[in-house]
């Protein structure tokens, strides 16, 4: 018997790959990692499965797996066979930031996964993030001296994202703990909010009838998916904007927050 196939969903930096790796360690099985978009033919997957040898095949960004390859995975996942040849039973773990897109375009493929874990369901607390930062620093930079405020500032400004937390922490170490310089270099104005966030809030506030996704994407000169998955979630989470049928609109909290950011950053 092998562990059931599983999908791990969650924002970038939430630890999807780390969780899959920990599972392989706990199960004491081989672990092979790949990017799904690189699996352009089934032979590549079959070669990976030989290396896995009954362990875990981890496909990051599994939503990008070509649909024709996903369809060929059905018998491999369910019966552990392909073209009449047996395949050693294994576990497929997929990670994605776009599970909704997968369900829409590859529903039969999604049904082959028995377990779905959503890492966005339980957000980190400020204390969780502070502890992560402290443990990471003590492990990788044991000889660098920082005070407790250093960890708090990093935690407050990481947008509730461990990957961003590590980025800020490492920058803080290189800047000898001078977090004002770190925040400035990343364009962070307050609590993880950046000059870009402020500009977005101002732009939406000027368009009282709502701003469409394409319009916002053009304004920011960034792909729509980057805005939806990497920029917007923090604004929504803090109730500064809303998604409506007419587009994105600003909340009363958002309007007040513009004033706070502008007051505390007079050069903005």
Protein backbone atom coordinates (compact mmCIF):
# COMPACT_ATOMS: atom_id res chain seq x y z
CA UNK A 1 0.00 0.00 0.00
CA UNK A 2 1.14 3.56 -0.73
CA UNK A 3 0.10 6.94 0.56
CA UNK A 4 -2.86 8.40 -1.44
CA UNK A 5 -2.29 10.94 -4.20
CA UNK A 6 -2.61 14.46 -2.84
CA UNK A 7 -2.88 18.08 -3.94
CA UNK A 8 -1.52 20.88 -1.77
CA UNK A 9 -2.99 24.31 -2.48
CA UNK A 10 -1.94 27.68 -1.15
CA UNK A 11 -0.29 30.96 -1.97
CA UNK A 12 3.31 31.18 -3.08
CA UNK A 13 5.71 30.84 -0.16
CA UNK A 14 3.32 29.02 2.17
CA UNK A 15 5.46 25.86 2.35
CA UNK A 16 3.86 23.48 -0.16
CA UNK A 17 7.18 22.01 -1.30
CA UNK A 18 8.46 21.79 2.26
CA UNK A 19 5.35 19.87 3.35
CA UNK A 20 5.75 17.36 0.51
CA UNK A 21 9.42 16.86 1.38
CA UNK A 22 8.61 16.34 5.07
CA UNK A 23 6.04 13.71 4.13
CA UNK A 24 8.64 11.82 2.11
CA UNK A 25 10.99 11.93 5.09
CA UNK A 26 8.30 10.71 7.48
CA UNK A 27 7.28 7.90 5.10
CA UNK A 28 10.96 7.09 4.47
CA UNK A 29 10.52 6.98 0.69
CA UNK A 30 12.28 8.47 -2.32
CA UNK A 31 11.36 12.00 -3.35
CA UNK A 32 11.55 13.42 -6.86
CA UNK A 33 10.63 17.05 -7.57
CA UNK A 34 9.77 18.58 -10.93
CA UNK A 35 7.91 21.51 -12.47
CA UNK A 36 4.74 20.27 -14.17
CA UNK A 37 5.13 22.53 -17.20
CA UNK A 38 8.43 20.75 -17.98
CA UNK A 39 6.65 17.40 -18.35
CA UNK A 40 5.94 17.82 -22.05
CA UNK A 41 5.57 14.09 -22.77
CA UNK A 42 4.60 11.01 -20.81
CA UNK A 43 8.05 9.40 -21.24
CA UNK A 44 9.54 12.06 -18.96
CA UNK A 45 7.07 11.14 -16.23
CA UNK A 46 7.73 7.41 -16.67
CA UNK A 47 11.47 8.04 -16.26
CA UNK A 48 10.79 10.07 -13.12
CA UNK A 49 8.67 7.25 -11.73
CA UNK A 50 11.56 4.82 -12.20
CA UNK A 51 13.72 7.13 -10.08
CA UNK A 52 10.96 7.47 -7.48
CA UNK A 53 10.83 3.65 -7.15
CA UNK A 54 7.57 3.62 -5.21
CA UNK A 55 8.12 6.91 -3.39
CA UNK A 56 6.73 10.40 -3.94
CA UNK A 57 6.70 12.23 -7.27
CA UNK A 58 6.17 15.91 -6.50
CA UNK A 59 4.88 18.11 -9.31
CA UNK A 60 5.07 21.81 -8.50
CA UNK A 61 2.68 24.16 -10.34
CA UNK A 62 0.63 21.10 -11.28
CA UNK A 63 -2.05 23.33 -12.81
CA UNK A 64 0.43 23.89 -15.68
CA UNK A 65 0.63 20.19 -16.58
CA UNK A 66 -0.40 19.90 -20.27
CA UNK A 67 -3.95 18.55 -20.45
CA UNK A 68 -3.00 15.74 -22.86
CA UNK A 69 -0.37 14.56 -20.34
CA UNK A 70 -2.85 14.81 -17.47
CA UNK A 71 -5.26 12.55 -19.38
CA UNK A 72 -2.54 9.94 -19.83
CA UNK A 73 -1.97 9.98 -16.07
CA UNK A 74 -5.41 8.49 -15.30
CA UNK A 75 -4.45 4.81 -15.56
CA UNK A 76 -1.01 5.48 -14.08
CA UNK A 77 -2.56 7.01 -10.97
CA UNK A 78 -5.50 4.62 -10.56
CA UNK A 79 -4.19 1.25 -11.72
CA UNK A 80 -0.43 1.83 -11.74
CA UNK A 81 -0.23 0.69 -15.35
CA UNK A 82 0.50 2.31 -18.69
CA UNK A 83 0.07 0.69 -22.09
CA UNK A 84 -0.28 -2.69 -20.43
CA UNK A 85 2.93 -2.35 -18.40
CA UNK A 86 2.94 -2.35 -14.61
CA UNK A 87 4.34 0.62 -12.70
CA UNK A 88 5.52 0.33 -9.13
CA UNK A 89 2.83 1.93 -6.91
CA UNK A 90 3.79 5.49 -5.97
CA UNK A 91 2.32 8.70 -4.57
CA UNK A 92 1.76 11.77 -6.74
CA UNK A 93 1.72 15.05 -4.83
CA UNK A 94 0.85 18.19 -6.75
CA UNK A 95 1.24 21.77 -5.53
CA UNK A 96 -0.75 24.64 -6.97
CA UNK A 97 -1.75 28.24 -6.38
CA UNK A 98 -4.59 27.82 -8.88
CA UNK A 99 -6.73 24.88 -7.81
CA UNK A 100 -9.87 26.59 -9.09
CA UNK A 101 -8.38 26.72 -12.57
CA UNK A 102 -7.51 23.01 -12.34
CA UNK A 103 -11.06 22.10 -11.38
CA UNK A 104 -12.40 24.09 -14.29
CA UNK A 105 -10.07 22.71 -16.95
CA UNK A 106 -8.98 19.29 -15.61
CA UNK A 107 -11.75 18.06 -13.33
CA UNK A 108 -11.29 14.34 -14.16
CA UNK A 109 -7.60 14.68 -13.32
CA UNK A 110 -8.42 16.39 -10.01
CA UNK A 111 -10.75 13.52 -9.07
CA UNK A 112 -7.79 11.12 -9.09
CA UNK A 113 -6.38 12.89 -6.02
CA UNK A 114 -7.82 11.53 -2.78
CA UNK A 115 -6.53 14.23 -0.45
CA UNK A 116 -6.68 18.02 -0.78
CA UNK A 117 -4.76 20.17 1.70
CA UNK A 118 -5.34 23.92 1.64
CA UNK A 119 -2.52 25.78 3.38
CA UNK A 120 -4.46 29.06 3.14
CA UNK A 121 -7.11 27.87 5.58
CA UNK A 122 -4.98 28.57 8.64
CA UNK A 123 -3.04 31.82 8.49
CA UNK A 124 0.10 32.34 10.50
CA UNK A 125 -0.19 34.50 13.60
CA UNK A 126 2.28 37.28 14.27
CA UNK A 127 3.86 35.13 16.97
CA UNK A 128 4.16 32.18 14.56
CA UNK A 129 6.02 34.36 12.08
CA UNK A 130 8.25 35.83 14.77
CA UNK A 131 9.20 32.33 15.91
CA UNK A 132 9.91 31.20 12.34
CA UNK A 133 12.17 34.21 11.83
CA UNK A 134 14.01 33.63 15.09
CA UNK A 135 14.59 29.93 14.44
CA UNK A 136 15.76 30.59 10.88
CA UNK A 137 18.19 33.28 12.02
CA UNK A 138 19.61 31.17 14.85
CA UNK A 139 20.18 28.25 12.49
CA UNK A 140 21.74 30.09 9.55
CA UNK A 141 23.19 33.23 11.17
CA UNK A 142 24.03 32.16 14.74
CA UNK A 143 26.85 34.67 15.15
CA UNK A 144 24.90 37.76 14.09
CA UNK A 145 23.46 39.77 16.96
CA UNK A 146 19.96 41.24 16.67
CA UNK A 147 17.37 42.32 19.23
CA UNK A 148 13.84 40.99 19.64
CA UNK A 149 12.37 44.02 17.83
CA UNK A 150 14.13 42.81 14.69
CA UNK A 151 11.96 39.67 14.55
CA UNK A 152 8.77 41.63 15.24
CA UNK A 153 9.47 44.11 12.42
CA UNK A 154 10.21 41.28 9.99
CA UNK A 155 7.01 39.45 10.99
CA UNK A 156 4.80 42.54 10.71
CA UNK A 157 6.07 43.43 7.25
CA UNK A 158 6.19 40.01 5.53
CA UNK A 159 2.55 40.07 4.35
CA UNK A 160 1.90 36.84 6.28
CA UNK A 161 4.17 34.97 3.87
CA UNK A 162 7.10 32.86 5.19
CA UNK A 163 9.09 33.21 1.95
CA UNK A 164 8.86 37.01 2.18
CA UNK A 165 9.71 36.72 5.87
CA UNK A 166 12.98 34.96 5.03
CA UNK A 167 13.81 37.51 2.33
CA UNK A 168 13.36 40.41 4.74
CA UNK A 169 15.26 38.63 7.50
CA UNK A 170 18.28 37.89 5.31
CA UNK A 171 18.29 41.47 4.03
CA UNK A 172 18.15 42.66 7.64
CA UNK A 173 21.17 40.55 8.53
CA UNK A 174 23.14 41.95 5.59
CA UNK A 175 22.13 45.49 6.64
CA UNK A 176 23.38 44.80 10.19
CA UNK A 177 19.87 44.91 11.63
CA UNK A 178 19.03 48.35 10.22
CA UNK A 179 15.46 47.52 9.27
CA UNK A 180 14.57 51.07 8.25
CA UNK A 181 16.98 50.70 5.34
CA UNK A 182 15.60 47.24 4.49
CA UNK A 183 12.00 48.43 4.41
CA UNK A 184 12.97 51.43 2.33
CA UNK A 185 14.85 49.27 -0.19
CA UNK A 186 11.75 47.09 -0.64
CA UNK A 187 9.44 50.08 -0.91
CA UNK A 188 7.57 49.06 2.24
CA UNK A 189 5.63 51.89 3.85
CA UNK A 190 3.81 50.21 6.74
CA UNK A 191 2.86 46.66 7.82
CA UNK A 192 4.08 45.13 4.57
CA UNK A 193 2.18 47.54 2.37
CA UNK A 194 4.27 49.04 -0.40
CA UNK A 195 4.22 52.11 -2.60
CA UNK A 196 2.65 49.88 -5.26
CA UNK A 197 -0.20 48.98 -2.92
CA UNK A 198 -0.77 52.66 -2.18
CA UNK A 199 -0.89 53.45 -5.88
CA UNK A 200 -3.41 50.65 -6.43
CA UNK A 201 -5.64 51.95 -3.64
CA UNK A 202 -5.49 55.48 -5.03
CA UNK A 203 -6.27 54.28 -8.54
CA UNK A 204 -9.27 52.24 -7.42
CA UNK A 205 -10.48 55.13 -5.24
CA UNK A 206 -10.56 57.39 -8.31
CA UNK A 207 -12.84 54.92 -10.11
CA UNK A 208 -15.89 54.77 -7.88
CA UNK A 209 -17.81 52.46 -10.24
CA UNK A 210 -15.15 49.76 -10.01
CA UNK A 211 -11.99 48.82 -11.89
CA UNK A 212 -11.79 45.71 -14.06
CA UNK A 213 -8.99 43.17 -13.75
CA UNK A 214 -7.64 43.89 -17.23
CA UNK A 215 -7.57 47.62 -16.52
CA UNK A 216 -5.67 47.09 -13.27
CA UNK A 217 -3.25 44.75 -14.97
CA UNK A 218 -2.56 47.33 -17.68
CA UNK A 219 -2.14 50.09 -15.09
CA UNK A 220 0.43 48.06 -13.16
CA UNK A 221 2.09 46.70 -16.30
CA UNK A 222 1.92 43.19 -14.88
CA UNK A 223 0.21 39.95 -15.94
CA UNK A 224 -3.29 39.43 -14.59
CA UNK A 225 -2.31 36.23 -12.75
CA UNK A 226 0.53 38.03 -10.98
CA UNK A 227 -1.90 40.65 -9.74
CA UNK A 228 -4.54 38.11 -8.69
CA UNK A 229 -2.21 35.74 -6.85
CA UNK A 230 0.70 37.87 -5.65
CA UNK A 231 -0.57 41.43 -5.18
CA UNK A 232 -4.30 41.50 -4.53
CA UNK A 233 -4.69 38.86 -1.76
CA UNK A 234 -3.11 41.05 0.93
CA UNK A 235 -5.39 43.96 0.03
CA UNK A 236 -8.45 41.70 0.18
CA UNK A 237 -7.32 40.02 3.39
CA UNK A 238 -7.06 43.40 5.10
CA UNK A 239 -10.48 44.47 3.74
CA UNK A 240 -9.07 47.46 1.85
CA UNK A 241 -10.71 46.51 -1.46
CA UNK A 242 -13.58 44.33 -2.61
CA UNK A 243 -14.23 42.18 -5.66
CA UNK A 244 -17.62 43.02 -7.13
CA UNK A 245 -19.50 42.28 -10.31
CA UNK A 246 -18.37 45.66 -11.62
CA UNK A 247 -14.72 45.14 -10.72
CA UNK A 248 -12.53 46.09 -7.79
CA UNK A 249 -13.83 48.79 -5.46
CA UNK A 250 -12.27 50.42 -2.43
CA UNK A 251 -13.73 50.09 1.07
CA UNK A 252 -14.05 52.79 3.72
CA UNK A 253 -11.10 51.13 5.48
CA UNK A 254 -9.14 51.41 2.25
CA UNK A 255 -9.86 55.13 1.97
CA UNK A 256 -8.77 55.69 5.56
CA UNK A 257 -5.66 53.60 5.03
CA UNK A 258 -4.61 55.80 2.12
CA UNK A 259 -4.64 58.76 4.51
CA UNK A 260 -2.60 56.83 7.08
CA UNK A 261 0.05 55.82 4.55
CA UNK A 262 0.30 59.31 3.10
CA UNK A 263 0.50 60.90 6.56
CA UNK A 264 3.27 58.57 7.73
CA UNK A 265 5.18 58.80 4.45
CA UNK A 266 5.09 62.46 3.47
CA UNK A 267 7.39 61.89 0.48
CA UNK A 268 4.92 59.49 -1.16
